[in-house]
Amino acid sequence: MVHTDIARHVPYATFLYYALWPVCWLLMKSPYEGCQTVLYCAVSEELQGVSGCFYDDCAEKGWSKVSLDDSTAAKLWNVSEALTGIKVTYVKSE
């Protein structure tokens, strides 16, 4: 988790922020720390041409079980379409 202002317009976010601050302070990364893996993947010459991998803390990690579950992916897709109001035809490539 990265400590940003993303929830600044969410009701009660300020209350939750201060109520959970001791835990958040221990577990959350600064925005600078949070962007390091993204920057590493974007500019690293050794990753040129690499695609479809998962990275955490500038190192390749295995995919979680839930991320590989097709039924969960389909549910997320349907909820995303409903929330955004955008209907997209999805064709799965093999």
N, C-alpha and C. Protein backbone atom coordinates (compact mmCIF):
# COMPACT_ATOMS: atom_id res chain seq x y z
N MET A 1 0.83 -1.17 0.00
CA MET A 1 0.00 0.00 0.00
C MET A 1 0.88 1.24 0.00
N VAL A 2 0.42 2.23 -0.73
CA VAL A 2 1.16 3.48 -0.85
C VAL A 2 0.34 4.61 -0.23
N HIS A 3 0.98 5.43 0.56
CA HIS A 3 0.33 6.55 1.24
C HIS A 3 0.18 7.71 0.26
N THR A 4 -1.04 7.88 -0.29
CA THR A 4 -1.34 8.98 -1.21
C THR A 4 -2.60 9.69 -0.75
N ASP A 5 -3.01 10.69 -1.50
CA ASP A 5 -4.24 11.43 -1.20
C ASP A 5 -5.43 10.89 -1.98
N ILE A 6 -5.38 9.66 -2.43
CA ILE A 6 -6.41 9.12 -3.31
C ILE A 6 -7.80 9.14 -2.67
N ALA A 7 -7.89 9.05 -1.37
CA ALA A 7 -9.19 9.00 -0.69
C ALA A 7 -9.61 10.36 -0.13
N ARG A 8 -9.02 11.44 -0.59
CA ARG A 8 -9.28 12.75 0.00
C ARG A 8 -10.74 13.20 -0.13
N HIS A 9 -11.48 12.67 -1.09
CA HIS A 9 -12.87 13.07 -1.26
C HIS A 9 -13.85 12.01 -0.76
N VAL A 10 -13.35 10.98 -0.11
CA VAL A 10 -14.20 9.92 0.41
C VAL A 10 -14.70 10.33 1.79
N PRO A 11 -16.03 10.26 2.00
CA PRO A 11 -16.56 10.63 3.32
C PRO A 11 -15.92 9.76 4.41
N TYR A 12 -15.64 10.34 5.51
CA TYR A 12 -15.05 9.68 6.68
C TYR A 12 -13.61 9.22 6.48
N ALA A 13 -13.01 9.52 5.35
CA ALA A 13 -11.63 9.10 5.12
C ALA A 13 -10.68 9.75 6.11
N THR A 14 -10.91 11.01 6.45
CA THR A 14 -10.05 11.69 7.41
C THR A 14 -10.12 11.02 8.77
N PHE A 15 -11.34 10.67 9.20
CA PHE A 15 -11.49 9.98 10.48
C PHE A 15 -10.75 8.65 10.45
N LEU A 16 -10.96 7.87 9.40
CA LEU A 16 -10.30 6.57 9.30
C LEU A 16 -8.79 6.73 9.24
N TYR A 17 -8.33 7.75 8.53
CA TYR A 17 -6.90 8.01 8.41
C TYR A 17 -6.27 8.18 9.79
N TYR A 18 -6.88 9.03 10.61
CA TYR A 18 -6.31 9.28 11.94
C TYR A 18 -6.53 8.11 12.89
N ALA A 19 -7.65 7.40 12.75
CA ALA A 19 -7.91 6.25 13.61
C ALA A 19 -6.95 5.11 13.32
N LEU A 20 -6.58 4.96 12.05
CA LEU A 20 -5.71 3.85 11.65
C LEU A 20 -4.26 4.27 11.42
N TRP A 21 -3.93 5.52 11.73
CA TRP A 21 -2.60 6.04 11.45
C TRP A 21 -1.46 5.17 12.00
N PRO A 22 -1.51 4.68 13.24
CA PRO A 22 -0.38 3.87 13.73
C PRO A 22 -0.12 2.64 12.86
N VAL A 23 -1.18 1.98 12.41
CA VAL A 23 -1.01 0.81 11.56
C VAL A 23 -0.56 1.23 10.17
N CYS A 24 -1.19 2.26 9.63
CA CYS A 24 -0.83 2.74 8.30
C CYS A 24 0.63 3.19 8.26
N TRP A 25 1.06 3.88 9.27
CA TRP A 25 2.44 4.37 9.30
C TRP A 25 3.43 3.22 9.20
N LEU A 26 3.12 2.10 9.83
CA LEU A 26 4.01 0.95 9.80
C LEU A 26 3.96 0.20 8.47
N LEU A 27 2.81 0.14 7.84
CA LEU A 27 2.62 -0.73 6.68
C LEU A 27 2.69 -0.04 5.32
N MET A 28 2.44 1.27 5.28
CA MET A 28 2.35 1.95 4.00
C MET A 28 3.69 2.52 3.53
N LYS A 29 3.87 2.49 2.20
CA LYS A 29 5.06 3.07 1.60
C LYS A 29 4.80 4.54 1.26
N SER A 30 5.86 5.31 1.19
CA SER A 30 5.73 6.68 0.72
C SER A 30 5.47 6.65 -0.79
N PRO A 31 4.97 7.74 -1.37
CA PRO A 31 4.79 7.76 -2.82
C PRO A 31 6.11 7.48 -3.57
N TYR A 32 7.21 7.99 -3.06
CA TYR A 32 8.52 7.73 -3.67
C TYR A 32 8.83 6.24 -3.66
N GLU A 33 8.66 5.61 -2.51
CA GLU A 33 8.92 4.17 -2.40
C GLU A 33 7.94 3.36 -3.25
N GLY A 34 6.69 3.81 -3.29
CA GLY A 34 5.66 3.09 -4.02
C GLY A 34 5.86 3.07 -5.53
N CYS A 35 6.54 4.07 -6.07
CA CYS A 35 6.72 4.13 -7.53
C CYS A 35 7.98 3.42 -8.01
N GLN A 36 8.81 2.95 -7.12
CA GLN A 36 10.09 2.37 -7.53
C GLN A 36 9.95 1.15 -8.42
N THR A 37 9.03 0.24 -8.12
CA THR A 37 8.86 -0.95 -8.94
C THR A 37 8.34 -0.59 -10.33
N VAL A 38 7.41 0.36 -10.40
CA VAL A 38 6.89 0.80 -11.69
C VAL A 38 8.01 1.40 -12.53
N LEU A 39 8.82 2.24 -11.93
CA LEU A 39 9.94 2.84 -12.65
C LEU A 39 10.97 1.80 -13.07
N TYR A 40 11.25 0.86 -12.19
CA TYR A 40 12.19 -0.22 -12.50
C TYR A 40 11.72 -0.99 -13.73
N CYS A 41 10.44 -1.37 -13.75
CA CYS A 41 9.91 -2.12 -14.88
C CYS A 41 9.89 -1.30 -16.16
N ALA A 42 9.70 0.00 -16.05
CA ALA A 42 9.62 0.87 -17.22
C ALA A 42 10.97 1.15 -17.85
N VAL A 43 12.03 1.24 -17.05
CA VAL A 43 13.31 1.68 -17.60
C VAL A 43 14.41 0.62 -17.58
N SER A 44 14.18 -0.51 -16.94
CA SER A 44 15.21 -1.53 -16.85
C SER A 44 15.47 -2.17 -18.21
N GLU A 45 16.72 -2.14 -18.65
CA GLU A 45 17.09 -2.74 -19.93
C GLU A 45 16.92 -4.26 -19.89
N GLU A 46 17.12 -4.86 -18.73
CA GLU A 46 17.00 -6.32 -18.64
C GLU A 46 15.55 -6.80 -18.78
N LEU A 47 14.59 -5.90 -18.64
CA LEU A 47 13.18 -6.27 -18.78
C LEU A 47 12.60 -5.88 -20.14
N GLN A 48 13.45 -5.41 -21.04
CA GLN A 48 12.97 -5.02 -22.36
C GLN A 48 12.40 -6.25 -23.06
N GLY A 49 11.17 -6.14 -23.54
CA GLY A 49 10.52 -7.24 -24.23
C GLY A 49 9.82 -8.22 -23.30
N VAL A 50 9.94 -8.04 -21.98
CA VAL A 50 9.29 -8.92 -21.01
C VAL A 50 7.87 -8.42 -20.79
N SER A 51 6.92 -9.34 -20.77
CA SER A 51 5.52 -8.96 -20.58
C SER A 51 4.79 -10.06 -19.82
N GLY A 52 3.73 -9.68 -19.11
CA GLY A 52 2.89 -10.66 -18.45
C GLY A 52 3.41 -11.16 -17.12
N CYS A 53 4.38 -10.49 -16.55
CA CYS A 53 4.95 -10.90 -15.25
C CYS A 53 4.42 -9.99 -14.15
N PHE A 54 4.53 -10.45 -12.92
CA PHE A 54 4.12 -9.67 -11.75
C PHE A 54 5.37 -9.30 -10.98
N TYR A 55 5.49 -8.02 -10.62
CA TYR A 55 6.65 -7.54 -9.89
C TYR A 55 6.24 -6.89 -8.58
N ASP A 56 7.04 -7.10 -7.56
CA ASP A 56 6.83 -6.51 -6.25
C ASP A 56 8.20 -6.20 -5.68
N ASP A 57 8.38 -5.00 -5.19
CA ASP A 57 9.67 -4.56 -4.66
C ASP A 57 10.81 -4.82 -5.64
N CYS A 58 10.58 -4.47 -6.89
CA CYS A 58 11.57 -4.56 -7.97
C CYS A 58 12.06 -5.98 -8.24
N ALA A 59 11.24 -6.97 -7.91
CA ALA A 59 11.60 -8.36 -8.17
C ALA A 59 10.38 -9.10 -8.70
N GLU A 60 10.62 -10.04 -9.62
CA GLU A 60 9.51 -10.82 -10.16
C GLU A 60 8.98 -11.75 -9.08
N LYS A 61 7.65 -11.79 -8.97
CA LYS A 61 6.99 -12.64 -7.99
C LYS A 61 5.98 -13.51 -8.72
N GLY A 62 5.59 -14.60 -8.10
CA GLY A 62 4.58 -15.47 -8.69
C GLY A 62 3.19 -14.86 -8.54
N TRP A 63 2.29 -15.26 -9.43
CA TRP A 63 0.91 -14.79 -9.37
C TRP A 63 0.19 -15.48 -8.23
N SER A 64 -0.72 -14.77 -7.57
CA SER A 64 -1.51 -15.36 -6.49
C SER A 64 -2.57 -16.28 -7.09
N LYS A 65 -3.10 -17.20 -6.29
CA LYS A 65 -4.13 -18.13 -6.77
C LYS A 65 -5.36 -17.37 -7.25
N VAL A 66 -5.78 -16.37 -6.49
CA VAL A 66 -6.99 -15.64 -6.85
C VAL A 66 -6.82 -14.89 -8.18
N SER A 67 -5.63 -14.44 -8.48
CA SER A 67 -5.41 -13.71 -9.73
C SER A 67 -5.49 -14.63 -10.95
N LEU A 68 -5.38 -15.92 -10.74
CA LEU A 68 -5.44 -16.88 -11.85
C LEU A 68 -6.81 -17.54 -11.99
N ASP A 69 -7.75 -17.16 -11.14
CA ASP A 69 -9.09 -17.76 -11.14
C ASP A 69 -9.97 -17.07 -12.18
N ASP A 70 -10.34 -17.80 -13.23
CA ASP A 70 -11.12 -17.23 -14.32
C ASP A 70 -12.51 -16.77 -13.89
N SER A 71 -13.14 -17.47 -12.95
CA SER A 71 -14.49 -17.05 -12.52
C SER A 71 -14.41 -15.73 -11.74
N THR A 72 -13.38 -15.55 -10.94
CA THR A 72 -13.20 -14.28 -10.22
C THR A 72 -12.91 -13.16 -11.21
N ALA A 73 -12.12 -13.45 -12.23
CA ALA A 73 -11.82 -12.44 -13.26
C ALA A 73 -13.10 -12.03 -13.99
N ALA A 74 -13.96 -12.99 -14.30
CA ALA A 74 -15.21 -12.68 -14.99
C ALA A 74 -16.12 -11.83 -14.11
N LYS A 75 -16.19 -12.14 -12.81
CA LYS A 75 -17.00 -11.34 -11.89
C LYS A 75 -16.48 -9.91 -11.81
N LEU A 76 -15.17 -9.75 -11.70
CA LEU A 76 -14.56 -8.42 -11.65
C LEU A 76 -14.85 -7.65 -12.93
N TRP A 77 -14.76 -8.32 -14.07
CA TRP A 77 -15.05 -7.68 -15.36
C TRP A 77 -16.49 -7.18 -15.39
N ASN A 78 -17.44 -8.03 -14.97
CA ASN A 78 -18.86 -7.67 -14.98
C ASN A 78 -19.15 -6.50 -14.04
N VAL A 79 -18.58 -6.53 -12.85
CA VAL A 79 -18.78 -5.44 -11.90
C VAL A 79 -18.17 -4.14 -12.45
N SER A 80 -17.01 -4.24 -13.07
CA SER A 80 -16.36 -3.06 -13.64
C SER A 80 -17.22 -2.45 -14.75
N GLU A 81 -17.80 -3.31 -15.59
CA GLU A 81 -18.69 -2.81 -16.65
C GLU A 81 -19.91 -2.12 -16.04
N ALA A 82 -20.48 -2.73 -15.01
CA ALA A 82 -21.67 -2.15 -14.38
C ALA A 82 -21.36 -0.80 -13.74
N LEU A 83 -20.23 -0.70 -13.06
CA LEU A 83 -19.87 0.54 -12.37
C LEU A 83 -19.48 1.66 -13.33
N THR A 84 -18.85 1.30 -14.43
CA THR A 84 -18.41 2.33 -15.38
C THR A 84 -19.45 2.65 -16.43
N GLY A 85 -20.41 1.72 -16.63
CA GLY A 85 -21.41 1.91 -17.68
C GLY A 85 -20.85 1.66 -19.06
N ILE A 86 -19.69 1.02 -19.13
CA ILE A 86 -19.04 0.72 -20.42
C ILE A 86 -19.11 -0.78 -20.66
N LYS A 87 -19.72 -1.17 -21.77
CA LYS A 87 -19.82 -2.58 -22.12
C LYS A 87 -18.77 -2.88 -23.18
N VAL A 88 -17.89 -3.83 -22.89
CA VAL A 88 -16.81 -4.18 -23.80
C VAL A 88 -16.91 -5.66 -24.14
N THR A 89 -16.75 -5.98 -25.41
CA THR A 89 -16.70 -7.38 -25.82
C THR A 89 -15.30 -7.88 -25.59
N TYR A 90 -15.18 -8.90 -24.77
CA TYR A 90 -13.87 -9.43 -24.40
C TYR A 90 -13.65 -10.74 -25.12
N VAL A 91 -12.55 -10.84 -25.85
CA VAL A 91 -12.19 -12.07 -26.55
C VAL A 91 -10.91 -12.58 -25.92
N LYS A 92 -10.99 -13.77 -25.33
CA LYS A 92 -9.82 -14.36 -24.69
C LYS A 92 -8.96 -15.04 -25.74
N SER A 93 -7.69 -14.65 -25.77
CA SER A 93 -6.77 -15.29 -26.72
C SER A 93 -6.08 -16.46 -26.03
N GLU A 94 -5.84 -17.48 -26.76
CA GLU A 94 -5.21 -18.69 -26.20
C GLU A 94 -3.72 -18.67 -26.46
